[in-house]
Amino acid sequence: MEETESEKKEKEKEVEEEKEKFAQNHFFMTQVAKLGQDDCSSLNSPIPPAPYLKVSSPPPDIF
């Protein structure tokens, strides 16, 4: 079965769209990776407790 000229053009258009999407996603992911590398130092520091988590009185007995 032979492809018509319009089918070939449509397939080429789809391929170009996919290439463009890939390029955008690739650029985005490389930017995210760069950000992640910069923030690695914060992962080694201890996380301070949140003030609202400090318990002032024991929780009430529910049972």
C-alpha atoms as a PDB file:
ATOM      1  CA  MET A   1       0.000   0.000   0.000  1.00  0.00           C
ATOM      2  CA  GLU A   2       1.531   3.290  -1.089  1.00  0.00           C
ATOM      3  CA  GLU A   3       1.437   6.393   1.060  1.00  0.00           C
ATOM      4  CA  THR A   4       0.011   9.501  -0.470  1.00  0.00           C
ATOM      5  CA  GLU A   5       1.900  12.789  -0.419  1.00  0.00           C
ATOM      6  CA  SER A   6      -0.439  14.263   2.211  1.00  0.00           C
ATOM      7  CA  GLU A   7       0.073  11.260   4.515  1.00  0.00           C
ATOM      8  CA  LYS A   8       3.843  11.647   4.238  1.00  0.00           C
ATOM      9  CA  LYS A   9       3.623  15.351   5.074  1.00  0.00           C
ATOM     10  CA  GLU A  10       1.384  14.643   8.052  1.00  0.00           C
ATOM     11  CA  LYS A  11       3.797  12.023   9.406  1.00  0.00           C
ATOM     12  CA  GLU A  12       6.720  14.427   8.990  1.00  0.00           C
ATOM     13  CA  LYS A  13       4.745  17.106  10.825  1.00  0.00           C
ATOM     14  CA  GLU A  14       4.040  14.695  13.713  1.00  0.00           C
ATOM     15  CA  VAL A  15       7.714  13.762  13.914  1.00  0.00           C
ATOM     16  CA  GLU A  16       8.714  17.440  14.040  1.00  0.00           C
ATOM     17  CA  GLU A  17       6.175  18.093  16.811  1.00  0.00           C
ATOM     18  CA  GLU A  18       7.536  15.175  18.831  1.00  0.00           C
ATOM     19  CA  LYS A  19      11.104  16.425  18.361  1.00  0.00           C
ATOM     20  CA  GLU A  20      10.059  19.872  19.577  1.00  0.00           C
ATOM     21  CA  LYS A  21       8.312  18.420  22.653  1.00  0.00           C
ATOM     22  CA  PHE A  22      11.370  16.322  23.445  1.00  0.00           C
ATOM     23  CA  ALA A  23      13.664  19.344  23.131  1.00  0.00           C
ATOM     24  CA  GLN A  24      11.465  21.383  25.488  1.00  0.00           C
ATOM     25  CA  ASN A  25      11.240  18.562  28.035  1.00  0.00           C
ATOM     26  CA  HIS A  26      14.967  17.895  27.816  1.00  0.00           C
ATOM     27  CA  PHE A  27      15.765  21.576  28.399  1.00  0.00           C
ATOM     28  CA  PHE A  28      13.354  21.714  31.350  1.00  0.00           C
ATOM     29  CA  MET A  29      14.779  18.574  32.944  1.00  0.00           C
ATOM     30  CA  THR A  30      18.378  19.776  32.572  1.00  0.00           C
ATOM     31  CA  GLN A  31      17.423  23.046  34.283  1.00  0.00           C
ATOM     32  CA  VAL A  32      15.754  21.118  37.114  1.00  0.00           C
ATOM     33  CA  ALA A  33      18.834  18.912  37.462  1.00  0.00           C
ATOM     34  CA  LYS A  34      21.068  21.986  37.716  1.00  0.00           C
ATOM     35  CA  LEU A  35      18.842  23.411  40.445  1.00  0.00           C
ATOM     36  CA  GLY A  36      18.961  20.101  42.278  1.00  0.00           C
ATOM     37  CA  GLN A  37      22.761  20.055  42.219  1.00  0.00           C
ATOM     38  CA  ASP A  38      22.921  23.550  43.691  1.00  0.00           C
ATOM     39  CA  ASP A  39      20.614  22.650  46.578  1.00  0.00           C
ATOM     40  CA  CYS A  40      22.404  19.484  47.695  1.00  0.00           C
ATOM     41  CA  SER A  41      24.223  21.304  50.507  1.00  0.00           C
ATOM     42  CA  SER A  42      20.909  22.013  52.228  1.00  0.00           C
ATOM     43  CA  LEU A  43      20.175  18.280  52.382  1.00  0.00           C
ATOM     44  CA  ASN A  44      23.090  17.710  54.752  1.00  0.00           C
ATOM     45  CA  SER A  45      21.965  20.307  57.297  1.00  0.00           C
ATOM     46  CA  PRO A  46      19.561  19.172  60.036  1.00  0.00           C
ATOM     47  CA  ILE A  47      15.937  20.208  59.704  1.00  0.00           C
ATOM     48  CA  PRO A  48      14.794  22.398  62.590  1.00  0.00           C
ATOM     49  CA  PRO A  49      11.559  21.291  64.260  1.00  0.00           C
ATOM     50  CA  ALA A  50       8.470  23.233  63.276  1.00  0.00           C
ATOM     51  CA  PRO A  51       7.148  25.443  66.107  1.00  0.00           C
ATOM     52  CA  TYR A  52       3.629  24.057  65.794  1.00  0.00           C
ATOM     53  CA  LEU A  53       4.906  20.526  66.404  1.00  0.00           C
ATOM     54  CA  LYS A  54       6.208  21.309  69.895  1.00  0.00           C
ATOM     55  CA  VAL A  55       3.928  19.539  72.358  1.00  0.00           C
ATOM     56  CA  SER A  56       2.850  21.665  75.301  1.00  0.00           C
ATOM     57  CA  SER A  57       0.538  19.058  76.835  1.00  0.00           C
ATOM     58  CA  PRO A  58      -0.045  15.356  76.188  1.00  0.00           C
ATOM     59  CA  PRO A  59      -2.766  14.510  73.684  1.00  0.00           C
ATOM     60  CA  PRO A  60      -6.189  13.729  75.170  1.00  0.00           C
ATOM     61  CA  ASP A  61      -7.178  10.109  75.692  1.00  0.00           C
ATOM     62  CA  ILE A  62      -9.565   9.083  72.950  1.00  0.00           C
ATOM     63  CA  PHE A  63     -10.167   5.501  74.025  1.00  0.00           C
END
